[in-house]
Amino acid sequence: MTQHPPPGYGPPAYGGHGPPAPNHPQATTVLILGILGLVLCGIIGPFAWVMGNRVVREIDASGGGWGGRTEANIGRILGIVVTLLMIAAFVLVVLVFVFGGLIAAGFSTN
């Protein structure tokens, strides 16, 4: 669902300065999800990543009608980082179990 900016907002006329564009309604949400994913619960990271991609796309498509791109982009990047850290931790845990099992099997045969 594409969100449209409120009427009266958009890029300023040539040479004029209009009111600043309002932030996208979900830009701050993406930022908060990214921060919470990093600090509290990594499982939130992929949600911040996916939602951030969508919100940044909508902001870019609005032609200046929506603001908040920085917040959405930071939340998206945090989501990417958290997701990659979760994947790396999962791979590390699997490797520890695999090599731990191999080492334990080696000791049991002696």
N, C-alpha and C. Protein backbone atom coordinates (compact mmCIF):
# COMPACT_ATOMS: atom_id res chain seq x y z
N MET A 1 0.84 -1.17 0.00
CA MET A 1 0.00 0.00 0.00
C MET A 1 0.89 1.23 0.00
N THR A 2 0.80 2.03 -1.03
CA THR A 2 1.59 3.24 -1.13
C THR A 2 0.89 4.36 -0.39
N GLN A 3 1.66 5.03 0.45
CA GLN A 3 1.11 6.16 1.19
C GLN A 3 1.40 7.44 0.42
N HIS A 4 0.43 8.32 0.37
CA HIS A 4 0.57 9.56 -0.37
C HIS A 4 0.73 10.70 0.63
N PRO A 5 1.57 11.70 0.28
CA PRO A 5 1.73 12.84 1.19
C PRO A 5 0.45 13.65 1.28
N PRO A 6 0.28 14.36 2.40
CA PRO A 6 -0.92 15.18 2.54
C PRO A 6 -0.96 16.26 1.46
N PRO A 7 -2.14 16.73 1.08
CA PRO A 7 -2.24 17.76 0.06
C PRO A 7 -1.55 19.04 0.51
N GLY A 8 -1.01 19.76 -0.46
CA GLY A 8 -0.35 21.02 -0.14
C GLY A 8 1.13 20.85 0.11
N TYR A 9 1.61 19.62 0.16
CA TYR A 9 3.02 19.38 0.37
C TYR A 9 3.60 18.80 -0.90
N GLY A 10 4.79 19.11 -1.12
CA GLY A 10 5.48 18.61 -2.30
C GLY A 10 6.72 19.43 -2.50
N PRO A 11 7.38 19.25 -3.62
CA PRO A 11 8.59 20.03 -3.83
C PRO A 11 8.25 21.52 -3.94
N PRO A 12 9.10 22.38 -3.39
CA PRO A 12 8.80 23.81 -3.45
C PRO A 12 8.85 24.31 -4.89
N ALA A 13 8.08 25.36 -5.14
CA ALA A 13 8.06 25.96 -6.48
C ALA A 13 9.45 26.52 -6.79
N TYR A 14 9.72 26.69 -8.07
CA TYR A 14 11.03 27.17 -8.50
C TYR A 14 11.37 28.49 -7.81
N GLY A 15 12.50 28.51 -7.12
CA GLY A 15 12.95 29.72 -6.46
C GLY A 15 12.25 30.02 -5.15
N GLY A 16 11.24 29.26 -4.78
CA GLY A 16 10.52 29.54 -3.54
C GLY A 16 10.85 28.53 -2.47
N HIS A 17 10.50 28.87 -1.28
CA HIS A 17 10.71 27.97 -0.16
C HIS A 17 9.36 27.65 0.45
N GLY A 18 8.98 26.41 0.33
CA GLY A 18 7.70 25.99 0.90
C GLY A 18 7.92 25.38 2.27
N PRO A 19 6.86 24.94 2.88
CA PRO A 19 7.01 24.29 4.19
C PRO A 19 7.77 22.97 4.02
N PRO A 20 8.51 22.57 5.04
CA PRO A 20 9.23 21.30 4.93
C PRO A 20 8.24 20.14 4.78
N ALA A 21 8.65 19.17 4.03
CA ALA A 21 7.78 18.00 3.83
C ALA A 21 7.64 17.24 5.14
N PRO A 22 6.45 16.74 5.44
CA PRO A 22 6.29 15.95 6.66
C PRO A 22 7.00 14.62 6.51
N ASN A 23 7.43 14.08 7.63
CA ASN A 23 8.08 12.76 7.60
C ASN A 23 7.07 11.69 7.22
N HIS A 24 7.56 10.70 6.52
CA HIS A 24 6.74 9.53 6.19
C HIS A 24 6.24 8.95 7.51
N PRO A 25 4.98 8.51 7.58
CA PRO A 25 4.43 8.03 8.85
C PRO A 25 5.19 6.85 9.46
N GLN A 26 5.95 6.10 8.65
CA GLN A 26 6.64 4.93 9.18
C GLN A 26 8.15 5.10 9.25
N ALA A 27 8.67 6.29 8.94
CA ALA A 27 10.12 6.51 8.96
C ALA A 27 10.68 6.32 10.37
N THR A 28 10.04 6.91 11.35
CA THR A 28 10.50 6.78 12.73
C THR A 28 10.33 5.35 13.23
N THR A 29 9.28 4.68 12.80
CA THR A 29 9.06 3.29 13.19
C THR A 29 10.21 2.40 12.72
N VAL A 30 10.65 2.62 11.49
CA VAL A 30 11.77 1.84 10.96
C VAL A 30 13.03 2.10 11.78
N LEU A 31 13.28 3.36 12.11
CA LEU A 31 14.45 3.70 12.92
C LEU A 31 14.38 3.01 14.28
N ILE A 32 13.23 3.05 14.92
CA ILE A 32 13.07 2.42 16.24
C ILE A 32 13.25 0.91 16.13
N LEU A 33 12.70 0.29 15.09
CA LEU A 33 12.88 -1.15 14.91
C LEU A 33 14.35 -1.51 14.72
N GLY A 34 15.07 -0.70 13.95
CA GLY A 34 16.49 -0.95 13.75
C GLY A 34 17.28 -0.85 15.04
N ILE A 35 16.98 0.16 15.84
CA ILE A 35 17.68 0.34 17.12
C ILE A 35 17.33 -0.79 18.08
N LEU A 36 16.05 -1.13 18.18
CA LEU A 36 15.64 -2.22 19.07
C LEU A 36 16.24 -3.55 18.63
N GLY A 37 16.34 -3.77 17.33
CA GLY A 37 16.96 -4.99 16.83
C GLY A 37 18.40 -5.08 17.25
N LEU A 38 19.10 -3.97 17.23
CA LEU A 38 20.52 -3.95 17.60
C LEU A 38 20.71 -4.10 19.10
N VAL A 39 19.86 -3.44 19.87
CA VAL A 39 20.06 -3.38 21.32
C VAL A 39 19.36 -4.52 22.06
N LEU A 40 18.14 -4.85 21.68
CA LEU A 40 17.36 -5.80 22.48
C LEU A 40 17.20 -7.17 21.85
N CYS A 41 16.67 -7.21 20.64
CA CYS A 41 16.27 -8.50 20.07
C CYS A 41 16.57 -8.52 18.58
N GLY A 42 17.57 -9.30 18.19
CA GLY A 42 18.01 -9.34 16.82
C GLY A 42 16.96 -9.78 15.82
N ILE A 43 15.97 -10.52 16.26
CA ILE A 43 14.95 -11.03 15.35
C ILE A 43 14.15 -9.89 14.70
N ILE A 44 14.22 -8.70 15.27
CA ILE A 44 13.52 -7.53 14.72
C ILE A 44 14.27 -6.99 13.50
N GLY A 45 15.56 -7.29 13.38
CA GLY A 45 16.39 -6.76 12.31
C GLY A 45 15.84 -6.95 10.91
N PRO A 46 15.45 -8.18 10.53
CA PRO A 46 14.92 -8.35 9.17
C PRO A 46 13.65 -7.53 8.91
N PHE A 47 12.84 -7.32 9.93
CA PHE A 47 11.63 -6.50 9.75
C PHE A 47 12.01 -5.05 9.47
N ALA A 48 13.02 -4.53 10.20
CA ALA A 48 13.49 -3.17 9.95
C ALA A 48 14.07 -3.04 8.55
N TRP A 49 14.77 -4.08 8.10
CA TRP A 49 15.39 -4.08 6.77
C TRP A 49 14.31 -4.02 5.68
N VAL A 50 13.35 -4.92 5.74
CA VAL A 50 12.30 -5.00 4.71
C VAL A 50 11.41 -3.76 4.74
N MET A 51 10.99 -3.37 5.93
CA MET A 51 10.12 -2.21 6.05
C MET A 51 10.87 -0.94 5.62
N GLY A 52 12.15 -0.86 5.98
CA GLY A 52 12.97 0.29 5.60
C GLY A 52 13.12 0.41 4.09
N ASN A 53 13.31 -0.73 3.42
CA ASN A 53 13.39 -0.71 1.96
C ASN A 53 12.13 -0.10 1.35
N ARG A 54 10.98 -0.54 1.86
CA ARG A 54 9.71 -0.06 1.32
C ARG A 54 9.52 1.44 1.58
N VAL A 55 9.81 1.86 2.82
CA VAL A 55 9.60 3.27 3.19
C VAL A 55 10.54 4.17 2.40
N VAL A 56 11.81 3.79 2.26
CA VAL A 56 12.75 4.60 1.48
C VAL A 56 12.29 4.70 0.03
N ARG A 57 11.81 3.59 -0.54
CA ARG A 57 11.28 3.61 -1.91
C ARG A 57 10.10 4.58 -2.03
N GLU A 58 9.19 4.55 -1.05
CA GLU A 58 8.02 5.44 -1.09
C GLU A 58 8.43 6.90 -0.95
N ILE A 59 9.42 7.17 -0.10
CA ILE A 59 9.90 8.55 0.07
C ILE A 59 10.53 9.03 -1.23
N ASP A 60 11.35 8.19 -1.84
CA ASP A 60 12.00 8.57 -3.10
C ASP A 60 10.96 8.80 -4.20
N ALA A 61 9.92 7.97 -4.24
CA ALA A 61 8.90 8.08 -5.27
C ALA A 61 7.99 9.29 -5.07
N SER A 62 7.97 9.85 -3.86
CA SER A 62 7.07 10.97 -3.58
C SER A 62 7.56 12.28 -4.19
N GLY A 63 8.79 12.33 -4.67
CA GLY A 63 9.29 13.56 -5.30
C GLY A 63 9.40 14.73 -4.34
N GLY A 64 9.73 14.46 -3.12
CA GLY A 64 9.86 15.53 -2.13
C GLY A 64 8.62 15.72 -1.28
N GLY A 65 7.59 14.93 -1.51
CA GLY A 65 6.35 15.05 -0.74
C GLY A 65 6.47 14.48 0.66
N TRP A 66 7.36 13.50 0.82
CA TRP A 66 7.60 12.93 2.14
C TRP A 66 9.04 13.19 2.56
N GLY A 67 9.23 13.45 3.84
CA GLY A 67 10.56 13.56 4.42
C GLY A 67 10.83 12.31 5.25
N GLY A 68 11.91 12.35 6.01
CA GLY A 68 12.23 11.24 6.90
C GLY A 68 13.09 10.17 6.26
N ARG A 69 13.70 10.48 5.10
CA ARG A 69 14.51 9.48 4.43
C ARG A 69 15.71 9.07 5.29
N THR A 70 16.32 10.03 5.96
CA THR A 70 17.49 9.73 6.79
C THR A 70 17.12 8.74 7.88
N GLU A 71 16.02 8.98 8.59
CA GLU A 71 15.60 8.07 9.66
C GLU A 71 15.32 6.67 9.12
N ALA A 72 14.58 6.61 8.01
CA ALA A 72 14.24 5.32 7.43
C ALA A 72 15.49 4.59 6.94
N ASN A 73 16.42 5.32 6.36
CA ASN A 73 17.62 4.70 5.85
C ASN A 73 18.52 4.19 6.98
N ILE A 74 18.63 4.95 8.06
CA ILE A 74 19.42 4.49 9.21
C ILE A 74 18.79 3.23 9.80
N GLY A 75 17.48 3.22 9.97
CA GLY A 75 16.80 2.02 10.48
C GLY A 75 16.99 0.83 9.56
N ARG A 76 16.95 1.07 8.26
CA ARG A 76 17.16 0.00 7.26
C ARG A 76 18.57 -0.55 7.37
N ILE A 77 19.55 0.32 7.47
CA ILE A 77 20.95 -0.12 7.57
C ILE A 77 21.17 -0.88 8.88
N LEU A 78 20.60 -0.40 9.97
CA LEU A 78 20.70 -1.14 11.23
C LEU A 78 20.06 -2.52 11.10
N GLY A 79 18.94 -2.60 10.40
CA GLY A 79 18.30 -3.89 10.15
C GLY A 79 19.20 -4.83 9.38
N ILE A 80 19.89 -4.31 8.37
CA ILE A 80 20.82 -5.13 7.59
C ILE A 80 21.95 -5.63 8.49
N VAL A 81 22.53 -4.73 9.28
CA VAL A 81 23.65 -5.11 10.16
C VAL A 81 23.21 -6.17 11.15
N VAL A 82 22.07 -5.96 11.79
CA VAL A 82 21.57 -6.92 12.78
C VAL A 82 21.30 -8.28 12.13
N THR A 83 20.71 -8.27 10.94
CA THR A 83 20.42 -9.53 10.25
C THR A 83 21.71 -10.27 9.92
N LEU A 84 22.71 -9.56 9.43
CA LEU A 84 23.98 -10.20 9.11
C LEU A 84 24.67 -10.72 10.36
N LEU A 85 24.59 -9.98 11.46
CA LEU A 85 25.15 -10.47 12.72
C LEU A 85 24.44 -11.73 13.20
N MET A 86 23.11 -11.77 13.04
CA MET A 86 22.36 -12.97 13.43
C MET A 86 22.78 -14.17 12.59
N ILE A 87 22.95 -13.96 11.30
CA ILE A 87 23.36 -15.05 10.42
C ILE A 87 24.76 -15.53 10.80
N ALA A 88 25.67 -14.60 11.05
CA ALA A 88 27.04 -14.96 11.44
C ALA A 88 27.03 -15.73 12.77
N ALA A 89 26.22 -15.29 13.73
CA ALA A 89 26.14 -16.00 15.02
C ALA A 89 25.58 -17.40 14.83
N PHE A 90 24.59 -17.55 13.97
CA PHE A 90 24.01 -18.87 13.71
C PHE A 90 25.05 -19.80 13.09
N VAL A 91 25.78 -19.29 12.10
CA VAL A 91 26.83 -20.09 11.46
C VAL A 91 27.89 -20.48 12.48
N LEU A 92 28.28 -19.56 13.35
CA LEU A 92 29.27 -19.85 14.38
C LEU A 92 28.79 -20.94 15.33
N VAL A 93 27.54 -20.87 15.75
CA VAL A 93 26.98 -21.89 16.64
C VAL A 93 26.97 -23.25 15.95
N VAL A 94 26.58 -23.29 14.69
CA VAL A 94 26.57 -24.55 13.96
C VAL A 94 27.99 -25.11 13.86
N LEU A 95 28.96 -24.26 13.53
CA LEU A 95 30.35 -24.72 13.45
C LEU A 95 30.86 -25.25 14.78
N VAL A 96 30.52 -24.58 15.86
CA VAL A 96 30.95 -25.04 17.19
C VAL A 96 30.37 -26.42 17.48
N PHE A 97 29.11 -26.63 17.16
CA PHE A 97 28.51 -27.94 17.41
C PHE A 97 29.11 -29.01 16.50
N VAL A 98 29.33 -28.67 15.25
CA VAL A 98 29.90 -29.66 14.32
C VAL A 98 31.31 -30.02 14.74
N PHE A 99 32.16 -29.03 14.96
CA PHE A 99 33.54 -29.33 15.34
C PHE A 99 33.62 -29.90 16.76
N GLY A 100 32.73 -29.45 17.63
CA GLY A 100 32.68 -30.04 18.97
C GLY A 100 32.32 -31.51 18.92
N GLY A 101 31.37 -31.84 18.05
CA GLY A 101 30.99 -33.24 17.90
C GLY A 101 32.11 -34.06 17.30
N LEU A 102 32.82 -33.51 16.33
CA LEU A 102 33.95 -34.23 15.72
C LEU A 102 35.07 -34.45 16.73
N ILE A 103 35.35 -33.43 17.52
CA ILE A 103 36.39 -33.57 18.54
C ILE A 103 35.97 -34.58 19.59
N ALA A 104 34.73 -34.50 20.03
CA ALA A 104 34.24 -35.46 21.03
C ALA A 104 34.26 -36.88 20.47
N ALA A 105 33.92 -37.05 19.22
CA ALA A 105 33.96 -38.38 18.59
C ALA A 105 35.39 -38.89 18.51
N GLY A 106 36.32 -37.99 18.25
CA GLY A 106 37.74 -38.38 18.19
C GLY A 106 38.26 -38.83 19.53
N PHE A 107 37.84 -38.20 20.60
CA PHE A 107 38.28 -38.58 21.95
C PHE A 107 37.66 -39.90 22.38
N SER A 108 36.45 -40.17 21.93
CA SER A 108 35.77 -41.38 22.38
C SER A 108 36.32 -42.64 21.71
N THR A 109 37.01 -42.52 20.60
CA THR A 109 37.56 -43.69 19.92
C THR A 109 38.88 -44.13 20.50
N ASN A 110 39.53 -43.29 21.29
CA ASN A 110 40.84 -43.67 21.87
C ASN A 110 40.67 -44.49 23.11
